[in-house]
């Protein structure tokens, strides 16, 4: 029997990629309940292959004991395209179908700075707007208490 392919979702962060792995379903039943691969094997190995556009590969191998597992691939270059494929094996079953390749561009410092600048700009604009409204109120242009000028009252 072949294991896989696992379901893989990726998201980018600064110099890293978050990889969420969901184990494939097993077809074994016990007491009418569908067993997970963790129920069957207890512990599984997963291998992540990381590929760049210039053809470099990096492999990570670790163990997992959960149905859904998240890991972070760190020490990557910002603003660069990476592709990820995951393979799951068990000590008793090395037959595995890898996931399809998923590609993503890691975040750049400029992108992180853009969010900070956008938030700071919004806060500054709010203060300027509040100040302008306060001046207009003090000058009597908005929210006047008396509808008639003092000379006519």
N, C-alpha and C. Protein backbone atom coordinates (compact mmCIF):
# COMPACT_ATOMS: atom_id res chain seq x y z
N UNK A 1 0.84 -1.19 0.00
CA UNK A 1 0.00 0.00 0.00
C UNK A 1 0.88 1.24 0.00
N UNK A 2 0.45 2.25 -0.73
CA UNK A 2 1.20 3.50 -0.80
C UNK A 2 0.64 4.51 0.18
N UNK A 3 1.54 5.28 0.80
CA UNK A 3 1.14 6.38 1.68
C UNK A 3 1.17 7.67 0.88
N UNK A 4 0.08 8.40 0.96
CA UNK A 4 0.13 9.72 0.34
C UNK A 4 -0.80 9.86 -0.83
N UNK A 5 -0.78 11.00 -1.44
CA UNK A 5 0.05 12.16 -1.07
C UNK A 5 -0.59 12.93 0.09
N UNK A 6 0.23 13.59 0.91
CA UNK A 6 -0.34 14.42 1.98
C UNK A 6 -0.91 15.72 1.39
N UNK A 7 -1.78 16.34 2.15
CA UNK A 7 -2.31 17.65 1.75
C UNK A 7 -1.36 18.70 2.31
N UNK A 8 -0.90 19.61 1.48
CA UNK A 8 0.11 20.59 1.90
C UNK A 8 -0.38 22.00 1.59
N UNK A 9 -0.24 22.89 2.58
CA UNK A 9 -0.52 24.31 2.39
C UNK A 9 0.70 25.08 2.84
N UNK A 10 1.06 26.13 2.08
CA UNK A 10 2.22 26.93 2.46
C UNK A 10 1.85 28.40 2.50
N UNK A 11 2.54 29.14 3.37
CA UNK A 11 2.40 30.59 3.42
C UNK A 11 3.78 31.17 3.68
N UNK A 12 3.99 32.40 3.21
CA UNK A 12 5.32 32.98 3.32
C UNK A 12 5.44 33.86 4.55
N UNK A 13 6.67 33.97 5.02
CA UNK A 13 7.01 34.90 6.08
C UNK A 13 8.38 35.47 5.72
N UNK A 14 8.92 36.34 6.54
CA UNK A 14 10.19 36.98 6.23
C UNK A 14 11.32 35.96 6.37
N UNK A 15 12.00 35.65 5.28
CA UNK A 15 13.10 34.66 5.25
C UNK A 15 12.65 33.25 5.61
N UNK A 16 11.36 32.95 5.49
CA UNK A 16 10.90 31.60 5.84
C UNK A 16 9.59 31.25 5.14
N UNK A 17 9.23 29.97 5.22
CA UNK A 17 7.97 29.46 4.68
C UNK A 17 7.31 28.60 5.76
N UNK A 18 6.04 28.86 6.04
CA UNK A 18 5.25 28.01 6.93
C UNK A 18 4.66 26.88 6.09
N UNK A 19 4.86 25.65 6.53
CA UNK A 19 4.35 24.48 5.82
C UNK A 19 3.40 23.72 6.74
N UNK A 20 2.14 23.58 6.30
CA UNK A 20 1.16 22.80 7.06
C UNK A 20 0.90 21.51 6.30
N UNK A 21 1.07 20.39 7.01
CA UNK A 21 0.94 19.06 6.40
C UNK A 21 -0.26 18.36 7.03
N UNK A 22 -1.16 17.91 6.20
CA UNK A 22 -2.29 17.10 6.67
C UNK A 22 -2.10 15.70 6.10
N UNK A 23 -2.05 14.72 6.99
CA UNK A 23 -1.79 13.35 6.55
C UNK A 23 -2.89 12.84 5.64
N UNK A 24 -2.53 11.99 4.69
CA UNK A 24 -3.57 11.38 3.86
C UNK A 24 -4.42 10.45 4.70
N UNK A 25 -5.64 10.20 4.27
CA UNK A 25 -6.52 9.32 5.04
C UNK A 25 -6.15 7.87 4.77
N UNK A 26 -6.35 7.05 5.78
CA UNK A 26 -6.15 5.61 5.59
C UNK A 26 -7.51 5.01 5.25
N UNK A 27 -7.50 3.78 4.78
CA UNK A 27 -8.76 3.13 4.45
C UNK A 27 -9.07 2.00 5.44
N UNK A 28 -8.34 1.97 6.56
CA UNK A 28 -8.55 0.93 7.56
C UNK A 28 -9.63 1.36 8.54
N UNK A 29 -10.51 0.42 8.86
CA UNK A 29 -11.58 0.70 9.82
C UNK A 29 -11.47 -0.25 10.99
N UNK A 30 -11.79 0.26 12.17
CA UNK A 30 -11.87 -0.58 13.37
C UNK A 30 -13.10 -0.12 14.14
N UNK A 31 -14.00 -1.03 14.40
CA UNK A 31 -15.28 -0.71 15.07
C UNK A 31 -16.01 0.40 14.32
N UNK A 32 -16.08 0.28 13.01
CA UNK A 32 -16.78 1.23 12.13
C UNK A 32 -16.13 2.62 12.09
N UNK A 33 -15.01 2.80 12.80
CA UNK A 33 -14.34 4.10 12.82
C UNK A 33 -13.15 4.04 11.86
N UNK A 34 -13.03 5.09 11.03
CA UNK A 34 -11.91 5.17 10.09
C UNK A 34 -10.65 5.55 10.86
N UNK A 35 -9.63 4.76 10.76
CA UNK A 35 -8.37 5.02 11.47
C UNK A 35 -7.54 6.03 10.70
N UNK A 36 -6.83 6.85 11.44
CA UNK A 36 -5.87 7.75 10.80
C UNK A 36 -4.55 6.99 10.64
N UNK A 37 -3.64 7.54 9.86
CA UNK A 37 -2.34 6.89 9.71
C UNK A 37 -1.56 6.87 11.02
N UNK A 38 -1.82 7.85 11.89
CA UNK A 38 -1.18 7.86 13.21
C UNK A 38 -1.70 6.68 14.03
N UNK A 39 -3.02 6.39 13.93
CA UNK A 39 -3.58 5.22 14.63
C UNK A 39 -2.92 3.94 14.14
N UNK A 40 -2.65 3.88 12.86
CA UNK A 40 -2.10 2.66 12.26
C UNK A 40 -0.61 2.50 12.58
N UNK A 41 0.18 3.56 12.35
CA UNK A 41 1.63 3.45 12.48
C UNK A 41 2.21 4.04 13.76
N UNK A 42 1.44 4.87 14.46
CA UNK A 42 1.94 5.50 15.68
C UNK A 42 2.80 6.71 15.42
N UNK A 43 3.77 6.56 14.54
CA UNK A 43 4.68 7.66 14.24
C UNK A 43 5.04 7.59 12.76
N UNK A 44 5.10 8.73 12.12
CA UNK A 44 5.44 8.78 10.70
C UNK A 44 6.62 9.72 10.49
N UNK A 45 7.34 9.50 9.42
CA UNK A 45 8.41 10.40 9.02
C UNK A 45 7.90 11.25 7.86
N UNK A 46 8.27 12.50 7.86
CA UNK A 46 7.93 13.31 6.69
C UNK A 46 9.22 13.92 6.16
N UNK A 47 9.27 14.05 4.86
CA UNK A 47 10.41 14.67 4.22
C UNK A 47 9.93 15.83 3.37
N UNK A 48 10.56 16.98 3.56
CA UNK A 48 10.21 18.16 2.77
C UNK A 48 11.35 18.41 1.79
N UNK A 49 11.01 18.51 0.53
CA UNK A 49 11.99 18.89 -0.47
C UNK A 49 11.71 20.33 -0.88
N UNK A 50 12.73 21.15 -0.77
CA UNK A 50 12.63 22.57 -1.10
C UNK A 50 13.45 22.81 -2.36
N UNK A 51 12.84 23.42 -3.35
CA UNK A 51 13.50 23.62 -4.64
C UNK A 51 13.46 25.10 -4.98
N UNK A 52 14.57 25.62 -5.51
CA UNK A 52 14.63 27.00 -5.97
C UNK A 52 14.65 27.02 -7.49
N UNK A 53 14.45 28.19 -8.05
CA UNK A 53 14.42 28.31 -9.51
C UNK A 53 15.77 27.97 -10.14
N UNK A 54 16.85 28.16 -9.40
CA UNK A 54 18.16 27.82 -9.97
C UNK A 54 18.51 26.34 -9.76
N UNK A 55 17.54 25.55 -9.29
CA UNK A 55 17.72 24.10 -9.25
C UNK A 55 18.29 23.54 -7.97
N UNK A 56 18.55 24.37 -6.97
CA UNK A 56 19.09 23.85 -5.71
C UNK A 56 17.99 23.17 -4.91
N UNK A 57 18.35 22.05 -4.26
CA UNK A 57 17.39 21.30 -3.45
C UNK A 57 17.88 21.23 -2.01
N UNK A 58 16.92 21.23 -1.11
CA UNK A 58 17.23 21.10 0.31
C UNK A 58 16.21 20.13 0.88
N UNK A 59 16.66 19.14 1.60
CA UNK A 59 15.74 18.15 2.16
C UNK A 59 15.74 18.22 3.69
N UNK A 60 14.55 18.15 4.25
CA UNK A 60 14.40 18.12 5.71
C UNK A 60 13.63 16.86 6.08
N UNK A 61 14.11 16.11 7.04
CA UNK A 61 13.41 14.90 7.49
C UNK A 61 13.15 15.01 8.98
N UNK A 62 11.90 14.79 9.35
CA UNK A 62 11.53 14.82 10.76
C UNK A 62 10.42 13.81 11.01
N UNK A 63 10.11 13.62 12.28
CA UNK A 63 9.03 12.70 12.66
C UNK A 63 7.79 13.49 13.02
N UNK A 64 6.63 12.90 12.80
CA UNK A 64 5.39 13.55 13.21
C UNK A 64 4.47 12.53 13.87
N UNK A 65 3.73 13.00 14.86
CA UNK A 65 2.80 12.12 15.58
C UNK A 65 1.40 12.73 15.62
N UNK A 66 1.15 13.72 14.77
CA UNK A 66 -0.16 14.38 14.73
C UNK A 66 -0.72 14.30 13.32
N UNK A 67 -2.04 14.36 13.25
CA UNK A 67 -2.74 14.28 11.96
C UNK A 67 -2.46 15.51 11.08
N UNK A 68 -2.44 16.69 11.74
CA UNK A 68 -2.13 17.94 11.05
C UNK A 68 -0.93 18.56 11.77
N UNK A 69 0.06 18.94 11.00
CA UNK A 69 1.33 19.36 11.57
C UNK A 69 1.83 20.58 10.82
N UNK A 70 2.37 21.56 11.55
CA UNK A 70 2.93 22.76 10.92
C UNK A 70 4.40 22.89 11.29
N UNK A 71 5.20 23.21 10.30
CA UNK A 71 6.63 23.44 10.53
C UNK A 71 7.06 24.67 9.74
N UNK A 72 8.19 25.24 10.11
CA UNK A 72 8.70 26.43 9.45
C UNK A 72 10.07 26.11 8.84
N UNK A 73 10.23 26.43 7.57
CA UNK A 73 11.53 26.31 6.91
C UNK A 73 12.17 27.69 6.99
N UNK A 74 13.27 27.78 7.72
CA UNK A 74 13.89 29.08 7.99
C UNK A 74 15.16 29.28 7.17
N UNK A 75 15.80 30.42 7.40
CA UNK A 75 17.08 30.78 6.76
C UNK A 75 16.98 30.82 5.24
N UNK A 76 15.88 31.35 4.73
CA UNK A 76 15.71 31.49 3.29
C UNK A 76 16.00 32.94 2.89
N UNK A 77 16.16 33.16 1.61
CA UNK A 77 16.38 34.51 1.12
C UNK A 77 15.03 35.23 0.94
N UNK A 78 14.96 36.52 1.29
CA UNK A 78 13.70 37.26 1.10
C UNK A 78 13.42 37.49 -0.38
N UNK A 79 12.15 37.61 -0.69
CA UNK A 79 11.69 37.96 -2.04
C UNK A 79 12.23 37.00 -3.11
N UNK A 80 12.27 35.71 -2.77
CA UNK A 80 12.74 34.70 -3.72
C UNK A 80 11.68 33.59 -3.81
N UNK A 81 11.58 32.99 -4.98
CA UNK A 81 10.58 31.95 -5.22
C UNK A 81 11.11 30.58 -4.78
N UNK A 82 10.30 29.87 -4.00
CA UNK A 82 10.65 28.52 -3.54
C UNK A 82 9.47 27.59 -3.83
N UNK A 83 9.79 26.33 -4.10
CA UNK A 83 8.76 25.31 -4.30
C UNK A 83 8.96 24.20 -3.27
N UNK A 84 7.85 23.66 -2.78
CA UNK A 84 7.88 22.68 -1.70
C UNK A 84 7.08 21.45 -2.09
N UNK A 85 7.63 20.26 -1.78
CA UNK A 85 6.91 19.00 -1.93
C UNK A 85 7.16 18.18 -0.67
N UNK A 86 6.11 17.48 -0.19
CA UNK A 86 6.22 16.72 1.05
C UNK A 86 5.91 15.25 0.78
N UNK A 87 6.69 14.38 1.43
CA UNK A 87 6.50 12.94 1.31
C UNK A 87 6.40 12.36 2.71
N UNK A 88 5.47 11.44 2.92
CA UNK A 88 5.28 10.82 4.23
C UNK A 88 5.59 9.33 4.12
N UNK A 89 6.42 8.84 5.05
CA UNK A 89 6.74 7.40 5.09
C UNK A 89 6.59 6.90 6.52
N UNK A 90 6.48 5.59 6.67
CA UNK A 90 6.42 4.94 7.97
C UNK A 90 7.56 3.95 8.05
N UNK A 91 7.94 3.56 9.28
CA UNK A 91 9.04 2.61 9.43
C UNK A 91 8.71 1.28 8.75
N UNK A 92 7.42 0.91 8.72
CA UNK A 92 7.01 -0.35 8.10
C UNK A 92 6.59 -0.19 6.65
N UNK A 93 6.50 1.05 6.18
CA UNK A 93 6.03 1.27 4.81
C UNK A 93 6.79 2.44 4.20
N UNK A 94 7.71 2.15 3.33
CA UNK A 94 8.51 3.20 2.67
C UNK A 94 7.91 3.63 1.33
N UNK A 95 6.80 2.98 0.91
CA UNK A 95 6.15 3.34 -0.35
C UNK A 95 5.36 4.63 -0.15
N UNK A 96 5.73 5.65 -0.87
CA UNK A 96 5.11 6.96 -0.64
C UNK A 96 4.89 7.71 -1.93
N UNK A 97 3.79 8.43 -1.98
CA UNK A 97 3.50 9.33 -3.11
C UNK A 97 3.68 10.75 -2.60
N UNK A 98 4.62 11.52 -3.16
CA UNK A 98 4.82 12.89 -2.68
C UNK A 98 3.69 13.81 -3.09
N UNK A 99 3.55 14.90 -2.36
CA UNK A 99 2.54 15.90 -2.70
C UNK A 99 2.97 16.61 -3.98
N UNK A 100 2.01 17.28 -4.61
CA UNK A 100 2.33 18.11 -5.78
C UNK A 100 3.19 19.28 -5.31
N UNK A 101 3.99 19.84 -6.21
CA UNK A 101 4.82 20.99 -5.86
C UNK A 101 3.92 22.21 -5.63
N UNK A 102 4.22 22.95 -4.56
CA UNK A 102 3.55 24.22 -4.31
C UNK A 102 4.63 25.28 -4.22
N UNK A 103 4.41 26.39 -4.90
CA UNK A 103 5.44 27.44 -4.97
C UNK A 103 4.94 28.73 -4.34
N UNK A 104 5.88 29.48 -3.78
CA UNK A 104 5.54 30.73 -3.11
C UNK A 104 6.78 31.63 -3.10
N UNK A 105 6.57 32.93 -3.00
CA UNK A 105 7.67 33.89 -2.88
C UNK A 105 7.76 34.34 -1.43
N UNK A 106 8.94 34.25 -0.85
CA UNK A 106 9.11 34.68 0.54
C UNK A 106 8.94 36.19 0.63
N UNK A 107 8.49 36.66 1.78
CA UNK A 107 8.27 38.09 1.99
C UNK A 107 9.61 38.83 1.97
N UNK A 108 9.55 40.07 1.55
CA UNK A 108 10.76 40.90 1.56
C UNK A 108 10.68 41.88 2.70
N UNK A 109 11.81 42.44 3.07
CA UNK A 109 11.86 43.44 4.14
C UNK A 109 11.02 44.64 3.73
N UNK A 110 11.09 45.02 2.46
CA UNK A 110 10.32 46.17 1.97
C UNK A 110 8.83 45.94 2.16
N UNK A 111 8.38 44.71 1.95
CA UNK A 111 6.96 44.41 2.11
C UNK A 111 6.55 44.55 3.58
N UNK A 112 7.42 44.07 4.49
CA UNK A 112 7.14 44.21 5.92
C UNK A 112 7.11 45.70 6.29
N UNK A 113 8.08 46.47 5.75
CA UNK A 113 8.14 47.90 6.04
C UNK A 113 6.93 48.64 5.48
N UNK A 114 6.41 48.18 4.35
CA UNK A 114 5.25 48.82 3.73
C UNK A 114 4.06 48.81 4.68
N UNK A 115 3.83 47.67 5.35
CA UNK A 115 2.71 47.58 6.28
C UNK A 115 2.90 48.55 7.45
N UNK A 116 4.11 48.63 7.97
CA UNK A 116 4.39 49.54 9.08
C UNK A 116 4.18 50.99 8.66
N UNK A 117 4.65 51.35 7.46
CA UNK A 117 4.47 52.72 6.96
C UNK A 117 3.00 53.02 6.73
N UNK A 118 2.25 52.07 6.20
CA UNK A 118 0.82 52.26 5.94
C UNK A 118 0.06 52.50 7.25
N UNK A 119 0.39 51.74 8.28
CA UNK A 119 -0.29 51.89 9.59
C UNK A 119 0.09 53.24 10.21
N UNK A 120 1.39 53.58 10.18
CA UNK A 120 1.84 54.87 10.73
C UNK A 120 1.18 56.02 9.98
N UNK A 121 1.07 55.91 8.66
CA UNK A 121 0.42 56.95 7.85
C UNK A 121 -1.04 57.13 8.22
N UNK A 122 -1.72 56.02 8.45
CA UNK A 122 -3.14 56.08 8.82
C UNK A 122 -3.32 56.77 10.18
N UNK A 123 -2.42 56.48 11.11
CA UNK A 123 -2.50 57.10 12.44
C UNK A 123 -2.23 58.60 12.34
N UNK A 124 -1.20 58.99 11.57
CA UNK A 124 -0.89 60.43 11.39
C UNK A 124 -2.07 61.16 10.74
N UNK A 125 -2.65 60.55 9.71
CA UNK A 125 -3.79 61.16 9.03
C UNK A 125 -4.95 61.37 10.00
N UNK A 126 -5.19 60.39 10.89
CA UNK A 126 -6.26 60.51 11.88
C UNK A 126 -6.03 61.71 12.80
N UNK A 127 -4.76 61.89 13.26
CA UNK A 127 -4.45 63.02 14.13
C UNK A 127 -4.63 64.35 13.40
N UNK A 128 -4.20 64.43 12.16
CA UNK A 128 -4.34 65.66 11.38
C UNK A 128 -5.81 66.00 11.18
N UNK A 129 -6.61 64.99 10.85
CA UNK A 129 -8.04 65.19 10.64
C UNK A 129 -8.72 65.65 11.94
N UNK A 130 -8.36 65.01 13.05
CA UNK A 130 -8.94 65.39 14.34
C UNK A 130 -8.56 66.83 14.70
N UNK A 131 -7.31 67.20 14.44
CA UNK A 131 -6.85 68.58 14.71
C UNK A 131 -7.59 69.58 13.86
N UNK A 132 -7.78 69.27 12.58
CA UNK A 132 -8.49 70.18 11.68
C UNK A 132 -9.94 70.35 12.14
N UNK A 133 -10.58 69.28 12.52
CA UNK A 133 -11.97 69.37 12.99
C UNK A 133 -12.06 70.18 14.27
N UNK A 134 -11.08 70.03 15.17
CA UNK A 134 -11.06 70.78 16.42
C UNK A 134 -10.92 72.28 16.13
N UNK A 135 -10.02 72.63 15.18
CA UNK A 135 -9.84 74.04 14.81
C UNK A 135 -11.11 74.61 14.18
N UNK A 136 -11.76 73.84 13.32
CA UNK A 136 -13.00 74.30 12.68
C UNK A 136 -14.10 74.50 13.72
N UNK A 137 -14.13 73.62 14.73
CA UNK A 137 -15.13 73.76 15.80
C UNK A 137 -14.84 75.00 16.63
N UNK A 138 -13.56 75.20 16.96
CA UNK A 138 -13.19 76.38 17.76
C UNK A 138 -13.46 77.66 16.98
N UNK A 139 -13.28 77.64 15.69
CA UNK A 139 -13.53 78.82 14.86
C UNK A 139 -15.00 79.04 14.58
N UNK A 140 -15.85 78.11 14.99
CA UNK A 140 -17.29 78.28 14.83
C UNK A 140 -17.82 77.84 13.48
N UNK A 141 -17.01 77.11 12.71
CA UNK A 141 -17.48 76.68 11.38
C UNK A 141 -18.38 75.45 11.45
N UNK A 142 -18.18 74.60 12.46
CA UNK A 142 -19.02 73.40 12.57
C UNK A 142 -19.53 73.27 14.00
N UNK A 143 -20.65 72.60 14.15
CA UNK A 143 -21.30 72.35 15.44
C UNK A 143 -21.48 73.63 16.25
N UNK A 144 -22.07 74.65 15.64
CA UNK A 144 -22.28 75.92 16.33
C UNK A 144 -23.40 75.75 17.35
N UNK A 145 -23.20 76.39 18.52
CA UNK A 145 -24.23 76.33 19.56
C UNK A 145 -25.33 77.36 19.26
N UNK A 146 -24.91 78.53 18.84
CA UNK A 146 -25.87 79.57 18.52
C UNK A 146 -25.97 79.72 17.03
N UNK A 147 -27.17 79.78 16.53
CA UNK A 147 -27.35 79.92 15.09
C UNK A 147 -27.17 81.38 14.65
N UNK A 148 -27.37 82.32 15.56
CA UNK A 148 -27.24 83.73 15.20
C UNK A 148 -25.92 84.28 15.72
N UNK A 149 -25.33 85.24 15.02
CA UNK A 149 -24.10 85.87 15.52
C UNK A 149 -24.39 86.62 16.83
N UNK A 150 -23.35 86.84 17.64
CA UNK A 150 -23.53 87.49 18.96
C UNK A 150 -24.14 88.86 18.83
N UNK A 151 -23.83 89.61 17.78
CA UNK A 151 -24.33 90.97 17.61
C UNK A 151 -25.83 90.97 17.41
N UNK A 152 -26.39 89.90 16.84
CA UNK A 152 -27.81 89.87 16.59
C UNK A 152 -28.60 89.28 17.77
N UNK A 153 -27.91 88.61 18.69
CA UNK A 153 -28.60 88.02 19.83
C UNK A 153 -28.85 89.12 20.80
